PDB file of N, CA and C in Angstrom:
ATOM      1  N   UNK A   1     157.049  87.314 134.068  1.00  0.00           N
ATOM      2  CA  UNK A   1     156.512  85.946 134.088  1.00  0.00           C
ATOM      3  C   UNK A   1     156.639  85.374 135.499  1.00  0.00           C
ATOM      4  N   UNK A   2     155.556  84.825 135.987  1.00  0.00           N
ATOM      5  CA  UNK A   2     155.583  84.242 137.329  1.00  0.00           C
ATOM      6  C   UNK A   2     156.355  82.922 137.312  1.00  0.00           C
ATOM      7  N   UNK A   3     157.186  82.723 138.315  1.00  0.00           N
ATOM      8  CA  UNK A   3     158.014  81.512 138.365  1.00  0.00           C
ATOM      9  C   UNK A   3     157.153  80.257 138.450  1.00  0.00           C
ATOM     10  N   UNK A   4     156.086  80.321 139.219  1.00  0.00           N
ATOM     11  CA  UNK A   4     155.197  79.165 139.354  1.00  0.00           C
ATOM     12  C   UNK A   4     154.528  78.832 138.024  1.00  0.00           C
ATOM     13  N   UNK A   5     154.141  79.857 137.284  1.00  0.00           N
ATOM     14  CA  UNK A   5     153.518  79.646 135.980  1.00  0.00           C
ATOM     15  C   UNK A   5     154.522  79.051 135.000  1.00  0.00           C
ATOM     16  N   UNK A   6     155.762  79.509 135.074  1.00  0.00           N
ATOM     17  CA  UNK A   6     156.799  79.002 134.179  1.00  0.00           C
ATOM     18  C   UNK A   6     157.066  77.523 134.447  1.00  0.00           C
ATOM     19  N   UNK A   7     157.140  77.153 135.706  1.00  0.00           N
ATOM     20  CA  UNK A   7     157.353  75.746 136.071  1.00  0.00           C
ATOM     21  C   UNK A   7     156.182  74.887 135.596  1.00  0.00           C
ATOM     22  N   UNK A   8     154.967  75.375 135.803  1.00  0.00           N
ATOM     23  CA  UNK A   8     153.786  74.639 135.365  1.00  0.00           C
ATOM     24  C   UNK A   8     153.792  74.468 133.849  1.00  0.00           C
ATOM     25  N   UNK A   9     154.215  75.501 133.133  1.00  0.00           N
ATOM     26  CA  UNK A   9     154.294  75.442 131.675  1.00  0.00           C
ATOM     27  C   UNK A   9     155.267  74.354 131.243  1.00  0.00           C
ATOM     28  N   UNK A  10     156.449  74.328 131.859  1.00  0.00           N
ATOM     29  CA  UNK A  10     157.453  73.323 131.514  1.00  0.00           C
ATOM     30  C   UNK A  10     156.961  71.911 131.820  1.00  0.00           C
ATOM     31  N   UNK A  11     156.284  71.761 132.959  1.00  0.00           N
ATOM     32  CA  UNK A  11     155.784  70.444 133.365  1.00  0.00           C
ATOM     33  C   UNK A  11     154.791  69.890 132.343  1.00  0.00           C
ATOM     34  N   UNK A  12     153.993  70.778 131.736  1.00  0.00           N
ATOM     35  CA  UNK A  12     153.007  70.312 130.766  1.00  0.00           C
ATOM     36  C   UNK A  12     153.557  70.243 129.343  1.00  0.00           C
ATOM     37  N   UNK A  13     154.447  71.167 128.962  1.00  0.00           N
ATOM     38  CA  UNK A  13     154.922  71.234 127.582  1.00  0.00           C
ATOM     39  C   UNK A  13     155.992  70.191 127.288  1.00  0.00           C
ATOM     40  N   UNK A  14     156.942  70.027 128.213  1.00  0.00           N
ATOM     41  CA  UNK A  14     158.065  69.116 127.956  1.00  0.00           C
ATOM     42  C   UNK A  14     157.612  67.675 127.705  1.00  0.00           C
ATOM     43  N   UNK A  15     156.729  67.088 128.532  1.00  0.00           N
ATOM     44  CA  UNK A  15     156.260  65.731 128.228  1.00  0.00           C
ATOM     45  C   UNK A  15     155.513  65.644 126.892  1.00  0.00           C
ATOM     46  N   UNK A  16     154.795  66.690 126.519  1.00  0.00           N
ATOM     47  CA  UNK A  16     154.071  66.681 125.243  1.00  0.00           C
ATOM     48  C   UNK A  16     155.044  66.675 124.073  1.00  0.00           C
ATOM     49  N   UNK A  17     156.231  67.252 124.266  1.00  0.00           N
ATOM     50  CA  UNK A  17     157.237  67.272 123.210  1.00  0.00           C
ATOM     51  C   UNK A  17     157.802  65.872 122.978  1.00  0.00           C
ATOM     52  N   UNK A  18     157.950  65.106 124.039  1.00  0.00           N
ATOM     53  CA  UNK A  18     158.613  63.803 123.939  1.00  0.00           C
ATOM     54  C   UNK A  18     157.642  62.663 123.644  1.00  0.00           C
ATOM     55  N   UNK A  19     156.336  62.913 123.782  1.00  0.00           N
ATOM     56  CA  UNK A  19     155.368  61.875 123.437  1.00  0.00           C
ATOM     57  C   UNK A  19     154.981  62.012 121.970  1.00  0.00           C
ATOM     58  N   UNK A  20     154.958  60.895 121.214  1.00  0.00           N
ATOM     59  CA  UNK A  20     154.585  60.948 119.796  1.00  0.00           C
ATOM     60  C   UNK A  20     153.115  61.318 119.623  1.00  0.00           C
ATOM     61  N   UNK A  21     152.824  61.992 118.523  1.00  0.00           N
ATOM     62  CA  UNK A  21     151.438  62.384 118.271  1.00  0.00           C
ATOM     63  C   UNK A  21     151.341  63.822 117.794  1.00  0.00           C
ATOM     64  N   UNK A  22     150.128  64.358 117.685  1.00  0.00           N
ATOM     65  CA  UNK A  22     149.909  65.715 117.173  1.00  0.00           C
ATOM     66  C   UNK A  22     150.501  66.776 118.087  1.00  0.00           C
ATOM     67  N   UNK A  23     150.794  66.420 119.339  1.00  0.00           N
ATOM     68  CA  UNK A  23     151.356  67.396 120.263  1.00  0.00           C
ATOM     69  C   UNK A  23     152.750  67.848 119.833  1.00  0.00           C
ATOM     70  N   UNK A  24     153.435  67.036 119.012  1.00  0.00           N
ATOM     71  CA  UNK A  24     154.763  67.406 118.552  1.00  0.00           C
ATOM     72  C   UNK A  24     154.737  68.648 117.665  1.00  0.00           C
ATOM     73  N   UNK A  25     153.591  68.924 117.031  1.00  0.00           N
ATOM     74  CA  UNK A  25     153.467  70.118 116.201  1.00  0.00           C
ATOM     75  C   UNK A  25     153.650  71.363 117.055  1.00  0.00           C
ATOM     76  N   UNK A  26     153.159  71.320 118.293  1.00  0.00           N
ATOM     77  CA  UNK A  26     153.260  72.454 119.202  1.00  0.00           C
ATOM     78  C   UNK A  26     154.716  72.703 119.571  1.00  0.00           C
ATOM     79  N   UNK A  27     155.492  71.622 119.669  1.00  0.00           N
ATOM     80  CA  UNK A  27     156.898  71.747 120.042  1.00  0.00           C
ATOM     81  C   UNK A  27     157.719  72.232 118.846  1.00  0.00           C
ATOM     82  N   UNK A  28     157.373  71.761 117.639  1.00  0.00           N
ATOM     83  CA  UNK A  28     158.138  72.107 116.447  1.00  0.00           C
ATOM     84  C   UNK A  28     157.908  73.561 116.042  1.00  0.00           C
ATOM     85  N   UNK A  29     156.733  74.096 116.398  1.00  0.00           N
ATOM     86  CA  UNK A  29     156.388  75.453 115.983  1.00  0.00           C
ATOM     87  C   UNK A  29     157.132  76.499 116.738  1.00  0.00           C
TER      88      UNK A  29
END
């Protein structure tokens, strides 16, 4: 896994986990 890709993934996924809405399904799965 590329380090830059991993950082980009975290930058996009982590805020989606903490914002309410359908995006929480992605975090719960």
